[in-house]
Amino acid sequence: MSRYELMTIVDAALSEEKAKALSKEIQTNIESLNGKITKSDFWGKRKLAYEIGSAREGFYDVTQFELEPENLEKLKTKIKLMENVTRYLVTALS
C-alpha cells in the first residue's frame, strides 16, 4: 500500500457538524476501498488563500491514509461527486 495525504476544503455555508460528517464520510470511503486511516486533523473554518467562486472561507480537513494505488482514482471519483467539497488535493507521501 502507498501512503497519501488528502486535504479537503468544504463549503463554509455548512455547519461545523455537517462539515465533520462529510469528513467522516470521506474516511469511510477510504476504508471501503480497503484503505487505512493513519491520521486525521480537522482544522475548522479558515479563510481561503483566494476566492473560489464566491467563497471566501471553507472548512479544512487533512487526512493521511494508506491505499492501494489502483484504488486512488476510485476515491477521487467519489470525492468529485460530493456536492459540498469545494476543493481537494491528494499528494503521495514518501
Protein backbone atom coordinates (compact mmCIF):
# COMPACT_ATOMS: atom_id res chain seq x y z
CA MET A 1 0.00 0.00 0.00
CA SER A 2 1.09 3.55 -0.71
CA ARG A 3 0.80 6.46 1.71
CA TYR A 4 -1.18 9.57 0.79
CA GLU A 5 -2.37 12.84 2.28
CA LEU A 6 -5.75 14.29 1.37
CA MET A 7 -6.65 17.91 2.04
CA THR A 8 -10.28 18.86 1.51
CA ILE A 9 -11.99 22.22 1.66
CA VAL A 10 -15.70 22.01 2.40
CA ASP A 11 -18.31 24.71 1.76
CA ALA A 12 -18.36 27.18 4.67
CA ALA A 13 -22.15 27.54 4.36
CA LEU A 14 -22.45 24.17 6.11
CA SER A 15 -22.46 23.90 9.88
CA GLU A 16 -19.29 22.61 11.50
CA GLU A 17 -21.12 19.39 12.44
CA LYS A 18 -22.07 18.75 8.81
CA ALA A 19 -18.53 19.52 7.64
CA LYS A 20 -17.18 16.99 10.15
CA ALA A 21 -19.77 14.45 8.98
CA LEU A 22 -18.61 14.95 5.38
CA SER A 23 -15.02 14.41 6.51
CA LYS A 24 -16.10 11.18 8.22
CA GLU A 25 -17.89 10.12 5.01
CA ILE A 26 -14.66 10.57 3.05
CA GLN A 27 -12.80 8.46 5.62
CA THR A 28 -15.49 5.78 5.30
CA ASN A 29 -14.97 5.84 1.52
CA ILE A 30 -11.23 5.30 2.03
CA GLU A 31 -11.91 2.35 4.32
CA SER A 32 -14.46 0.89 1.88
CA LEU A 33 -11.65 0.75 -0.70
CA ASN A 34 -9.56 -1.30 1.77
CA GLY A 35 -7.59 1.75 2.86
CA LYS A 36 -6.35 2.56 6.35
CA ILE A 37 -6.60 5.99 8.01
CA THR A 38 -3.33 6.83 9.77
CA LYS A 39 -4.04 10.42 10.83
CA SER A 40 -6.96 12.82 10.65
CA ASP A 41 -6.91 16.52 11.50
CA PHE A 42 -9.96 18.78 11.18
CA TRP A 43 -8.72 22.38 11.02
CA GLY A 44 -12.13 24.06 11.15
CA LYS A 45 -13.24 27.16 9.25
CA ARG A 46 -10.44 29.20 7.70
CA LYS A 47 -10.10 32.00 5.20
CA LEU A 48 -9.21 30.79 1.70
CA ALA A 49 -5.94 31.94 0.15
CA TYR A 50 -8.01 33.22 -2.79
CA GLU A 51 -11.67 33.41 -3.64
CA ILE A 52 -13.14 30.23 -5.19
CA GLY A 53 -16.32 31.19 -7.00
CA SER A 54 -17.92 33.45 -4.41
CA ALA A 55 -16.47 31.54 -1.43
CA ARG A 56 -14.00 33.28 0.84
CA GLU A 57 -13.93 30.67 3.62
CA GLY A 58 -14.08 26.91 3.95
CA PHE A 59 -13.69 24.07 6.42
CA TYR A 60 -10.28 22.45 6.07
CA ASP A 61 -9.59 18.79 6.80
CA VAL A 62 -6.34 16.85 6.36
CA THR A 63 -6.31 13.04 6.34
CA GLN A 64 -3.32 10.76 5.94
CA PHE A 65 -4.05 7.25 4.77
CA GLU A 66 -2.69 4.11 3.13
CA LEU A 67 -4.35 2.81 -0.03
CA GLU A 68 -3.54 0.56 -2.95
CA PRO A 69 -2.60 2.81 -5.92
CA GLU A 70 -5.21 1.21 -8.19
CA ASN A 71 -7.96 2.40 -5.79
CA LEU A 72 -6.85 6.03 -5.75
CA GLU A 73 -8.80 7.01 -8.88
CA LYS A 74 -11.93 5.39 -7.42
CA LEU A 75 -11.53 7.53 -4.30
CA LYS A 76 -11.01 10.70 -6.35
CA THR A 77 -14.16 9.95 -8.34
CA LYS A 78 -16.17 9.56 -5.13
CA ILE A 79 -14.85 12.86 -3.78
CA LYS A 80 -15.59 14.70 -7.06
CA LEU A 81 -19.23 13.59 -6.79
CA MET A 82 -19.61 15.04 -3.28
CA GLU A 83 -21.72 18.17 -3.56
CA ASN A 84 -20.20 20.30 -0.78
CA VAL A 85 -16.49 19.64 -1.41
CA THR A 86 -15.12 22.91 -2.78
CA ARG A 87 -11.59 21.65 -3.47
CA TYR A 88 -9.42 18.65 -2.68
CA LEU A 89 -5.81 17.64 -3.19
CA VAL A 90 -4.24 14.20 -2.84
CA THR A 91 -0.46 14.02 -2.51
CA ALA A 92 1.75 10.95 -2.22
CA LEU A 93 3.87 10.73 0.93
CA SER A 94 7.33 9.21 0.82
